[in-house]
Amino acid sequence: MLITPELIAEESLHFDLSIPEGELEYAPDTRQSGPLAVKGQADLILEHRGPREIVEDIRLRARFEGNFELLCARCLEPVQQHLHGSFDLIFRPASADAATGEHAISEDETEIGYYEQSGLRLEDAVREQVLLGLPGRTLCREDCKGLCPQCGVNRNTTACNCSEKPSDQRWNALAGLGTDRKA
C-alpha cells in the first residue's frame, strides 16, 4: 500500500490489512508463517518552516501480529515465534532535509524516517518494525547442543564420535612450549 500526502490530505487513512505469507522478505533465517495482521492509521502533519515552505510529514501508527519461523542459532532447526508489536513513526520527504554538508540535528530528528517522492510503502515500514521486534538470537531450547563442528550432525538428535577438540596440525610445533619451565 502506497501512502502519499495527497491520499491523506483531507482525512486520516485507516487500514486493516492482512499481509500474506511470502509477500515480504525479511532475513535469510526468518520466514513469515501465516498472514501478518496490520491495523492502524496514517495522518498528514504539516510542518511550517517559514512563510512559504511547508513540509508534508506522514505519521504512521499501527499494530501488527503474526507468526514467524526462525532458525535456532545453534542447530539451525526451525523455531516458531509469535510476534506482536506497535509503532508510531514520522516520515518526512527525502528532499526536505537534503542540505549538502554537515549540520547538527536535534534528538527528535533522529526519530524521523524518510520517504521518496512517490510516497511511503506501508509494507516497508512494517517489515522494518518486524525485524526490530524479533529476538537477536533464537534457540530451539535452552540446552540445545548445536551442530558438531567436524561432521555437522545435529547433536540434539544424533550422537557422533568426533573428538571434542579438533587437532590443528599448525599448533603441533608449539605443543611442548611452557611444559619445561623451571620455577
N, C-alpha and C. Protein backbone atom coordinates (compact mmCIF):
# COMPACT_ATOMS: atom_id res chain seq x y z
N MET A 1 0.85 -1.17 0.00
CA MET A 1 0.00 0.00 0.00
C MET A 1 0.90 1.23 0.00
N LEU A 2 0.70 2.08 -0.98
CA LEU A 2 1.47 3.32 -1.09
C LEU A 2 0.70 4.45 -0.43
N ILE A 3 1.35 5.11 0.52
CA ILE A 3 0.73 6.23 1.23
C ILE A 3 1.40 7.51 0.74
N THR A 4 0.61 8.42 0.22
CA THR A 4 1.12 9.70 -0.27
C THR A 4 0.46 10.83 0.50
N PRO A 5 1.09 12.00 0.55
CA PRO A 5 0.46 13.15 1.22
C PRO A 5 -0.91 13.49 0.63
N GLU A 6 -1.06 13.34 -0.68
CA GLU A 6 -2.33 13.64 -1.33
C GLU A 6 -3.44 12.71 -0.83
N LEU A 7 -3.10 11.46 -0.57
CA LEU A 7 -4.07 10.46 -0.13
C LEU A 7 -4.63 10.77 1.26
N ILE A 8 -3.81 11.41 2.10
CA ILE A 8 -4.22 11.68 3.49
C ILE A 8 -4.38 13.17 3.78
N ALA A 9 -4.45 13.99 2.73
CA ALA A 9 -4.54 15.44 2.92
C ALA A 9 -5.84 15.85 3.59
N GLU A 10 -6.93 15.24 3.20
CA GLU A 10 -8.25 15.63 3.73
C GLU A 10 -8.60 14.94 5.04
N GLU A 11 -8.24 13.66 5.15
CA GLU A 11 -8.56 12.91 6.37
C GLU A 11 -7.57 11.76 6.55
N SER A 12 -7.53 11.23 7.76
CA SER A 12 -6.64 10.12 8.08
C SER A 12 -6.99 8.91 7.23
N LEU A 13 -5.99 8.10 6.96
CA LEU A 13 -6.20 6.84 6.25
C LEU A 13 -6.16 5.73 7.30
N HIS A 14 -7.27 5.03 7.46
CA HIS A 14 -7.34 3.90 8.37
C HIS A 14 -7.15 2.63 7.56
N PHE A 15 -6.36 1.72 8.06
CA PHE A 15 -6.13 0.47 7.33
C PHE A 15 -6.20 -0.72 8.28
N ASP A 16 -6.63 -1.83 7.73
CA ASP A 16 -6.73 -3.10 8.45
C ASP A 16 -6.37 -4.15 7.42
N LEU A 17 -5.08 -4.52 7.38
CA LEU A 17 -4.56 -5.39 6.33
C LEU A 17 -4.15 -6.75 6.86
N SER A 18 -4.09 -7.67 5.95
CA SER A 18 -3.52 -8.98 6.23
C SER A 18 -2.46 -9.21 5.16
N ILE A 19 -1.20 -9.13 5.54
CA ILE A 19 -0.11 -9.32 4.58
C ILE A 19 0.15 -10.81 4.46
N PRO A 20 -0.04 -11.38 3.26
CA PRO A 20 0.11 -12.83 3.10
C PRO A 20 1.55 -13.29 3.30
N GLU A 21 1.65 -14.54 3.69
CA GLU A 21 2.95 -15.21 3.86
C GLU A 21 3.71 -15.14 2.53
N GLY A 22 4.99 -14.79 2.60
CA GLY A 22 5.83 -14.75 1.41
C GLY A 22 5.84 -13.43 0.67
N GLU A 23 4.96 -12.49 1.02
CA GLU A 23 4.92 -11.21 0.33
C GLU A 23 6.10 -10.32 0.70
N LEU A 24 6.52 -10.38 1.97
CA LEU A 24 7.65 -9.59 2.43
C LEU A 24 8.85 -10.50 2.67
N GLU A 25 10.02 -10.02 2.28
CA GLU A 25 11.25 -10.77 2.54
C GLU A 25 11.92 -10.14 3.75
N TYR A 26 12.22 -10.96 4.75
CA TYR A 26 12.76 -10.43 6.00
C TYR A 26 14.27 -10.61 6.08
N ALA A 27 14.73 -11.79 6.41
CA ALA A 27 16.15 -12.10 6.55
C ALA A 27 16.32 -13.56 6.14
N PRO A 28 17.55 -13.99 5.84
CA PRO A 28 17.74 -15.37 5.40
C PRO A 28 17.27 -16.42 6.40
N ASP A 29 17.31 -16.11 7.69
CA ASP A 29 16.91 -17.08 8.71
C ASP A 29 15.53 -16.80 9.29
N THR A 30 14.74 -15.94 8.63
CA THR A 30 13.43 -15.55 9.13
C THR A 30 12.39 -15.70 8.03
N ARG A 31 11.30 -16.39 8.37
CA ARG A 31 10.22 -16.59 7.41
C ARG A 31 8.89 -16.34 8.11
N GLN A 32 8.03 -15.59 7.44
CA GLN A 32 6.68 -15.37 7.96
C GLN A 32 5.89 -16.64 7.72
N SER A 33 5.23 -17.16 8.75
CA SER A 33 4.43 -18.38 8.60
C SER A 33 2.98 -18.05 8.90
N GLY A 34 2.25 -17.72 7.87
CA GLY A 34 0.87 -17.31 8.01
C GLY A 34 0.72 -15.83 7.76
N PRO A 35 -0.51 -15.34 7.77
CA PRO A 35 -0.75 -13.92 7.50
C PRO A 35 -0.25 -13.04 8.65
N LEU A 36 0.15 -11.82 8.30
CA LEU A 36 0.57 -10.82 9.28
C LEU A 36 -0.51 -9.74 9.32
N ALA A 37 -1.19 -9.64 10.45
CA ALA A 37 -2.25 -8.64 10.61
C ALA A 37 -1.64 -7.29 10.95
N VAL A 38 -2.07 -6.26 10.23
CA VAL A 38 -1.58 -4.89 10.45
C VAL A 38 -2.78 -3.96 10.48
N LYS A 39 -2.92 -3.22 11.57
CA LYS A 39 -4.05 -2.31 11.72
C LYS A 39 -3.54 -0.98 12.26
N GLY A 40 -3.99 0.11 11.64
CA GLY A 40 -3.55 1.42 12.11
C GLY A 40 -4.06 2.54 11.26
N GLN A 41 -3.33 3.66 11.30
CA GLN A 41 -3.73 4.82 10.53
C GLN A 41 -2.52 5.66 10.15
N ALA A 42 -2.71 6.42 9.07
CA ALA A 42 -1.70 7.36 8.59
C ALA A 42 -2.31 8.75 8.59
N ASP A 43 -1.55 9.72 9.07
CA ASP A 43 -2.02 11.10 9.13
C ASP A 43 -0.98 12.00 8.48
N LEU A 44 -1.45 13.14 7.97
CA LEU A 44 -0.56 14.14 7.40
C LEU A 44 -0.28 15.20 8.45
N ILE A 45 0.98 15.50 8.63
CA ILE A 45 1.39 16.56 9.56
C ILE A 45 2.10 17.62 8.74
N LEU A 46 1.59 18.84 8.77
CA LEU A 46 2.20 19.94 8.03
C LEU A 46 3.17 20.67 8.94
N GLU A 47 4.42 20.70 8.52
CA GLU A 47 5.47 21.37 9.28
C GLU A 47 5.80 22.68 8.57
N HIS A 48 5.54 23.79 9.24
CA HIS A 48 5.79 25.11 8.66
C HIS A 48 7.23 25.52 8.95
N ARG A 49 7.99 25.73 7.89
CA ARG A 49 9.40 26.11 8.03
C ARG A 49 9.64 27.54 7.57
N GLY A 50 8.66 28.29 7.50
CA GLY A 50 8.77 29.67 7.03
C GLY A 50 7.48 30.06 6.35
N PRO A 51 7.41 31.28 5.87
CA PRO A 51 6.15 31.75 5.29
C PRO A 51 5.72 30.98 4.03
N ARG A 52 6.67 30.43 3.30
CA ARG A 52 6.31 29.76 2.05
C ARG A 52 6.77 28.32 1.97
N GLU A 53 7.34 27.79 3.03
CA GLU A 53 7.84 26.42 2.98
C GLU A 53 7.07 25.55 3.97
N ILE A 54 6.37 24.57 3.43
CA ILE A 54 5.62 23.61 4.25
C ILE A 54 6.10 22.22 3.89
N VAL A 55 6.48 21.45 4.91
CA VAL A 55 6.95 20.08 4.71
C VAL A 55 5.81 19.14 5.11
N GLU A 56 5.52 18.18 4.23
CA GLU A 56 4.42 17.25 4.47
C GLU A 56 4.97 15.95 5.07
N ASP A 57 4.89 15.86 6.40
CA ASP A 57 5.32 14.66 7.11
C ASP A 57 4.15 13.67 7.18
N ILE A 58 4.48 12.39 7.17
CA ILE A 58 3.48 11.34 7.33
C ILE A 58 3.69 10.68 8.68
N ARG A 59 2.65 10.67 9.50
CA ARG A 59 2.70 9.97 10.78
C ARG A 59 2.00 8.63 10.60
N LEU A 60 2.71 7.58 10.94
CA LEU A 60 2.20 6.22 10.75
C LEU A 60 2.13 5.55 12.11
N ARG A 61 0.91 5.18 12.52
CA ARG A 61 0.69 4.48 13.79
C ARG A 61 0.00 3.16 13.48
N ALA A 62 0.56 2.08 14.02
CA ALA A 62 -0.04 0.77 13.69
C ALA A 62 0.34 -0.27 14.73
N ARG A 63 -0.43 -1.37 14.69
CA ARG A 63 -0.13 -2.58 15.46
C ARG A 63 -0.01 -3.73 14.47
N PHE A 64 0.82 -4.69 14.79
CA PHE A 64 0.97 -5.86 13.92
C PHE A 64 1.04 -7.11 14.78
N GLU A 65 0.66 -8.24 14.17
CA GLU A 65 0.69 -9.52 14.88
C GLU A 65 0.76 -10.64 13.85
N GLY A 66 1.66 -11.60 14.11
CA GLY A 66 1.77 -12.74 13.21
C GLY A 66 2.74 -13.77 13.71
N ASN A 67 2.84 -14.87 12.99
CA ASN A 67 3.74 -15.96 13.35
C ASN A 67 4.92 -16.01 12.39
N PHE A 68 6.08 -16.34 12.96
CA PHE A 68 7.30 -16.40 12.18
C PHE A 68 8.05 -17.68 12.49
N GLU A 69 8.87 -18.09 11.56
CA GLU A 69 9.73 -19.25 11.74
C GLU A 69 11.17 -18.75 11.65
N LEU A 70 11.89 -18.92 12.74
CA LEU A 70 13.29 -18.51 12.82
C LEU A 70 14.15 -19.76 12.93
N LEU A 71 15.43 -19.64 12.61
CA LEU A 71 16.33 -20.77 12.75
C LEU A 71 17.05 -20.69 14.07
N CYS A 72 17.18 -21.84 14.74
CA CYS A 72 17.91 -21.91 16.00
C CYS A 72 19.36 -21.48 15.73
N ALA A 73 19.90 -20.68 16.62
CA ALA A 73 21.26 -20.17 16.45
C ALA A 73 22.33 -21.26 16.61
N ARG A 74 21.97 -22.40 17.20
CA ARG A 74 22.96 -23.47 17.42
C ARG A 74 22.79 -24.64 16.46
N CYS A 75 21.56 -25.10 16.26
CA CYS A 75 21.37 -26.32 15.46
C CYS A 75 20.68 -26.08 14.12
N LEU A 76 20.22 -24.87 13.87
CA LEU A 76 19.57 -24.47 12.63
C LEU A 76 18.21 -25.12 12.39
N GLU A 77 17.61 -25.68 13.43
CA GLU A 77 16.26 -26.23 13.31
C GLU A 77 15.27 -25.06 13.37
N PRO A 78 14.12 -25.17 12.68
CA PRO A 78 13.13 -24.09 12.72
C PRO A 78 12.48 -23.96 14.09
N VAL A 79 12.25 -22.71 14.50
CA VAL A 79 11.62 -22.39 15.77
C VAL A 79 10.46 -21.45 15.49
N GLN A 80 9.28 -21.78 15.99
CA GLN A 80 8.11 -20.93 15.79
C GLN A 80 8.14 -19.78 16.80
N GLN A 81 7.81 -18.59 16.33
CA GLN A 81 7.83 -17.39 17.18
C GLN A 81 6.59 -16.56 16.87
N HIS A 82 5.78 -16.29 17.88
CA HIS A 82 4.64 -15.39 17.70
C HIS A 82 5.13 -13.99 18.02
N LEU A 83 4.84 -13.05 17.15
CA LEU A 83 5.34 -11.69 17.33
C LEU A 83 4.19 -10.70 17.22
N HIS A 84 4.18 -9.74 18.11
CA HIS A 84 3.22 -8.65 18.03
C HIS A 84 3.91 -7.39 18.50
N GLY A 85 3.48 -6.28 18.00
CA GLY A 85 4.10 -5.02 18.39
C GLY A 85 3.30 -3.85 17.86
N SER A 86 3.76 -2.66 18.20
CA SER A 86 3.13 -1.44 17.71
C SER A 86 4.21 -0.41 17.46
N PHE A 87 3.88 0.57 16.65
CA PHE A 87 4.83 1.64 16.37
C PHE A 87 4.11 2.94 16.07
N ASP A 88 4.82 4.02 16.27
CA ASP A 88 4.34 5.37 15.99
C ASP A 88 5.53 6.10 15.37
N LEU A 89 5.50 6.28 14.06
CA LEU A 89 6.65 6.79 13.33
C LEU A 89 6.30 8.04 12.51
N ILE A 90 7.30 8.88 12.32
CA ILE A 90 7.16 10.07 11.47
C ILE A 90 8.09 9.89 10.27
N PHE A 91 7.54 10.13 9.08
CA PHE A 91 8.33 10.07 7.85
C PHE A 91 8.24 11.43 7.15
N ARG A 92 9.37 11.87 6.64
CA ARG A 92 9.49 13.17 6.00
C ARG A 92 9.94 12.96 4.56
N PRO A 93 9.57 13.85 3.64
CA PRO A 93 10.08 13.71 2.28
C PRO A 93 11.60 13.77 2.28
N ALA A 94 12.24 12.91 1.52
CA ALA A 94 13.71 12.86 1.48
C ALA A 94 14.29 14.19 1.05
N SER A 95 13.59 14.92 0.22
CA SER A 95 14.11 16.20 -0.29
C SER A 95 14.05 17.31 0.75
N ALA A 96 13.29 17.15 1.82
CA ALA A 96 13.11 18.22 2.81
C ALA A 96 14.39 18.52 3.59
N ASP A 97 15.21 17.51 3.83
CA ASP A 97 16.43 17.70 4.61
C ASP A 97 17.67 17.40 3.77
N ALA A 98 17.59 17.70 2.49
CA ALA A 98 18.67 17.34 1.56
C ALA A 98 19.77 18.38 1.49
N ALA A 99 19.95 19.16 2.53
CA ALA A 99 21.01 20.17 2.53
C ALA A 99 22.37 19.49 2.43
N THR A 100 23.25 20.07 1.65
CA THR A 100 24.59 19.49 1.49
C THR A 100 25.47 19.88 2.67
N GLY A 101 26.46 19.06 2.93
CA GLY A 101 27.39 19.32 4.02
C GLY A 101 26.88 18.81 5.34
N GLU A 102 27.67 19.00 6.36
CA GLU A 102 27.32 18.54 7.69
C GLU A 102 26.52 19.60 8.43
N HIS A 103 25.57 19.14 9.23
CA HIS A 103 24.83 20.05 10.09
C HIS A 103 24.32 19.27 11.30
N ALA A 104 24.12 19.97 12.39
CA ALA A 104 23.68 19.32 13.63
C ALA A 104 22.19 19.04 13.54
N ILE A 105 21.78 17.93 14.15
CA ILE A 105 20.36 17.59 14.22
C ILE A 105 19.97 17.44 15.69
N SER A 106 18.71 17.65 15.94
CA SER A 106 18.21 17.52 17.31
C SER A 106 17.95 16.05 17.60
N GLU A 107 17.75 15.74 18.87
CA GLU A 107 17.46 14.35 19.26
C GLU A 107 16.15 13.88 18.64
N ASP A 108 15.17 14.78 18.53
CA ASP A 108 13.89 14.43 17.91
C ASP A 108 14.07 14.04 16.44
N GLU A 109 15.00 14.68 15.76
CA GLU A 109 15.21 14.39 14.34
C GLU A 109 15.82 13.01 14.10
N THR A 110 16.42 12.41 15.12
CA THR A 110 16.95 11.05 14.96
C THR A 110 15.84 10.03 14.88
N GLU A 111 14.64 10.41 15.24
CA GLU A 111 13.48 9.52 15.23
C GLU A 111 12.70 9.59 13.92
N ILE A 112 13.17 10.36 12.95
CA ILE A 112 12.43 10.59 11.71
C ILE A 112 12.96 9.70 10.60
N GLY A 113 12.04 9.06 9.87
CA GLY A 113 12.39 8.32 8.67
C GLY A 113 12.09 9.18 7.45
N TYR A 114 12.45 8.69 6.29
CA TYR A 114 12.24 9.46 5.07
C TYR A 114 11.51 8.63 4.03
N TYR A 115 10.73 9.31 3.20
CA TYR A 115 10.05 8.65 2.09
C TYR A 115 10.43 9.35 0.79
N GLU A 116 10.36 8.61 -0.29
CA GLU A 116 10.71 9.14 -1.60
C GLU A 116 9.54 9.94 -2.17
N GLN A 117 9.76 10.60 -3.26
CA GLN A 117 8.75 11.45 -3.87
C GLN A 117 7.47 10.69 -4.20
N SER A 118 7.61 9.41 -4.55
CA SER A 118 6.43 8.62 -4.92
C SER A 118 5.54 8.32 -3.72
N GLY A 119 6.09 8.34 -2.51
CA GLY A 119 5.31 8.08 -1.31
C GLY A 119 5.97 7.06 -0.40
N LEU A 120 5.25 6.64 0.61
CA LEU A 120 5.74 5.71 1.62
C LEU A 120 5.04 4.37 1.45
N ARG A 121 5.81 3.31 1.29
CA ARG A 121 5.22 1.97 1.23
C ARG A 121 5.01 1.47 2.65
N LEU A 122 3.77 1.20 3.01
CA LEU A 122 3.43 0.70 4.34
C LEU A 122 4.18 -0.59 4.63
N GLU A 123 4.28 -1.47 3.65
CA GLU A 123 4.95 -2.76 3.85
C GLU A 123 6.42 -2.59 4.25
N ASP A 124 7.09 -1.56 3.73
CA ASP A 124 8.49 -1.32 4.09
C ASP A 124 8.61 -0.95 5.57
N ALA A 125 7.70 -0.10 6.05
CA ALA A 125 7.72 0.30 7.46
C ALA A 125 7.41 -0.89 8.35
N VAL A 126 6.45 -1.72 7.96
CA VAL A 126 6.07 -2.89 8.75
C VAL A 126 7.24 -3.88 8.78
N ARG A 127 7.86 -4.14 7.64
CA ARG A 127 9.00 -5.06 7.58
C ARG A 127 10.10 -4.63 8.55
N GLU A 128 10.43 -3.34 8.53
CA GLU A 128 11.46 -2.83 9.42
C GLU A 128 11.09 -3.02 10.89
N GLN A 129 9.84 -2.77 11.24
CA GLN A 129 9.41 -2.91 12.63
C GLN A 129 9.37 -4.37 13.07
N VAL A 130 9.02 -5.27 12.16
CA VAL A 130 9.05 -6.71 12.47
C VAL A 130 10.49 -7.12 12.75
N LEU A 131 11.42 -6.72 11.90
CA LEU A 131 12.82 -7.10 12.10
C LEU A 131 13.36 -6.55 13.42
N LEU A 132 12.96 -5.34 13.78
CA LEU A 132 13.39 -4.77 15.06
C LEU A 132 12.75 -5.49 16.24
N GLY A 133 11.58 -6.07 16.05
CA GLY A 133 10.87 -6.76 17.12
C GLY A 133 11.30 -8.20 17.35
N LEU A 134 12.01 -8.78 16.37
CA LEU A 134 12.45 -10.17 16.51
C LEU A 134 13.60 -10.27 17.51
N PRO A 135 13.70 -11.39 18.21
CA PRO A 135 14.82 -11.55 19.14
C PRO A 135 16.15 -11.61 18.38
N GLY A 136 17.21 -11.13 19.01
CA GLY A 136 18.53 -11.13 18.38
C GLY A 136 19.06 -12.53 18.16
N ARG A 137 18.71 -13.45 19.04
CA ARG A 137 19.18 -14.83 18.94
C ARG A 137 18.06 -15.75 19.42
N THR A 138 17.79 -16.78 18.65
CA THR A 138 16.73 -17.71 18.98
C THR A 138 17.31 -19.10 19.17
N LEU A 139 16.88 -19.77 20.24
CA LEU A 139 17.28 -21.16 20.48
C LEU A 139 16.04 -22.03 20.47
N CYS A 140 16.20 -23.26 19.96
CA CYS A 140 15.07 -24.19 19.96
C CYS A 140 14.75 -24.63 21.39
N ARG A 141 15.75 -24.67 22.24
CA ARG A 141 15.59 -24.94 23.67
C ARG A 141 16.88 -24.48 24.37
N GLU A 142 16.79 -24.21 25.64
CA GLU A 142 17.94 -23.67 26.39
C GLU A 142 19.17 -24.57 26.33
N ASP A 143 18.96 -25.88 26.38
CA ASP A 143 20.10 -26.80 26.42
C ASP A 143 20.44 -27.36 25.04
N CYS A 144 20.17 -26.61 23.97
CA CYS A 144 20.46 -27.05 22.61
C CYS A 144 21.96 -27.33 22.49
N LYS A 145 22.31 -28.51 21.98
CA LYS A 145 23.71 -28.92 21.85
C LYS A 145 24.34 -28.44 20.55
N GLY A 146 23.53 -28.00 19.61
CA GLY A 146 24.04 -27.45 18.36
C GLY A 146 24.53 -28.51 17.39
N LEU A 147 25.29 -28.06 16.41
CA LEU A 147 25.85 -28.93 15.38
C LEU A 147 27.28 -29.30 15.72
N CYS A 148 27.70 -30.51 15.36
CA CYS A 148 29.09 -30.91 15.55
C CYS A 148 29.94 -30.13 14.55
N PRO A 149 31.00 -29.47 15.01
CA PRO A 149 31.82 -28.69 14.09
C PRO A 149 32.63 -29.54 13.10
N GLN A 150 32.80 -30.85 13.40
CA GLN A 150 33.54 -31.73 12.49
C GLN A 150 32.64 -32.36 11.43
N CYS A 151 31.59 -33.04 11.86
CA CYS A 151 30.77 -33.79 10.90
C CYS A 151 29.45 -33.11 10.56
N GLY A 152 29.04 -32.10 11.34
CA GLY A 152 27.83 -31.35 11.04
C GLY A 152 26.54 -31.97 11.51
N VAL A 153 26.59 -33.09 12.24
CA VAL A 153 25.37 -33.73 12.71
C VAL A 153 24.73 -32.90 13.83
N ASN A 154 23.41 -32.93 13.89
CA ASN A 154 22.69 -32.25 14.95
C ASN A 154 22.86 -33.06 16.23
N ARG A 155 23.56 -32.52 17.20
CA ARG A 155 23.86 -33.24 18.43
C ARG A 155 22.64 -33.44 19.32
N ASN A 156 21.54 -32.77 19.04
CA ASN A 156 20.30 -32.99 19.80
C ASN A 156 19.64 -34.30 19.43
N THR A 157 19.84 -34.75 18.20
CA THR A 157 19.16 -35.95 17.72
C THR A 157 20.09 -37.13 17.48
N THR A 158 21.39 -36.88 17.26
CA THR A 158 22.33 -37.94 16.92
C THR A 158 23.65 -37.73 17.66
N ALA A 159 24.16 -38.82 18.23
CA ALA A 159 25.47 -38.75 18.87
C ALA A 159 26.53 -39.02 17.80
N CYS A 160 27.66 -38.35 17.90
CA CYS A 160 28.73 -38.61 16.95
C CYS A 160 29.99 -38.98 17.72
N ASN A 161 30.96 -39.55 17.05
CA ASN A 161 32.20 -39.99 17.69
C ASN A 161 33.35 -39.03 17.42
N CYS A 162 33.05 -37.84 17.05
CA CYS A 162 34.11 -36.86 16.79
C CYS A 162 34.72 -36.40 18.12
N SER A 163 36.00 -36.09 18.08
CA SER A 163 36.66 -35.59 19.29
C SER A 163 36.14 -34.19 19.59
N GLU A 164 36.09 -33.87 20.87
CA GLU A 164 35.58 -32.56 21.28
C GLU A 164 36.45 -31.43 20.77
N LYS A 165 37.77 -31.60 20.86
CA LYS A 165 38.68 -30.56 20.43
C LYS A 165 39.45 -31.06 19.22
N PRO A 166 39.18 -30.50 18.06
CA PRO A 166 39.89 -30.96 16.87
C PRO A 166 41.36 -30.56 16.95
N SER A 167 42.18 -31.41 16.46
CA SER A 167 43.62 -31.14 16.45
C SER A 167 43.96 -30.33 15.21
N ASP A 168 44.57 -29.19 15.41
CA ASP A 168 45.02 -28.36 14.30
C ASP A 168 46.53 -28.54 14.17
N GLN A 169 46.94 -29.15 13.10
CA GLN A 169 48.34 -29.50 12.89
C GLN A 169 49.27 -28.29 12.95
N ARG A 170 48.79 -27.12 12.69
CA ARG A 170 49.64 -25.93 12.71
C ARG A 170 50.15 -25.61 14.11
N TRP A 171 49.48 -26.09 15.15
CA TRP A 171 49.87 -25.79 16.52
C TRP A 171 50.82 -26.84 17.11
N ASN A 172 51.08 -27.92 16.42
CA ASN A 172 51.93 -29.00 16.94
C ASN A 172 53.33 -28.52 17.31
N ALA A 173 53.89 -27.58 16.57
CA ALA A 173 55.23 -27.09 16.84
C ALA A 173 55.30 -26.39 18.20
N LEU A 174 54.19 -25.89 18.68
CA LEU A 174 54.16 -25.16 19.96
C LEU A 174 53.68 -26.04 21.11
N ALA A 175 53.36 -27.30 20.85
CA ALA A 175 52.77 -28.18 21.85
C ALA A 175 53.63 -28.35 23.09
N GLY A 176 54.95 -28.40 22.99
CA GLY A 176 55.82 -28.63 24.13
C GLY A 176 56.23 -27.38 24.86
N LEU A 177 55.96 -26.23 24.34
CA LEU A 177 56.35 -24.98 24.99
C LEU A 177 55.59 -24.79 26.30
N GLY A 178 56.26 -24.30 27.29
CA GLY A 178 55.61 -24.00 28.55
C GLY A 178 55.60 -25.16 29.52
N THR A 179 55.86 -26.38 29.08
CA THR A 179 55.83 -27.53 29.99
C THR A 179 57.20 -27.75 30.63
N ASP A 180 58.27 -27.23 30.06
CA ASP A 180 59.60 -27.42 30.60
C ASP A 180 60.07 -26.21 31.40
N ARG A 181 59.18 -25.37 31.83
CA ARG A 181 59.56 -24.16 32.57
C ARG A 181 60.03 -24.53 33.97
N LYS A 182 61.04 -23.86 34.41
CA LYS A 182 61.52 -24.04 35.77
C LYS A 182 61.07 -22.86 36.60
N ALA A 183 60.61 -23.16 37.77
CA ALA A 183 60.10 -22.11 38.64
C ALA A 183 61.18 -21.41 39.37
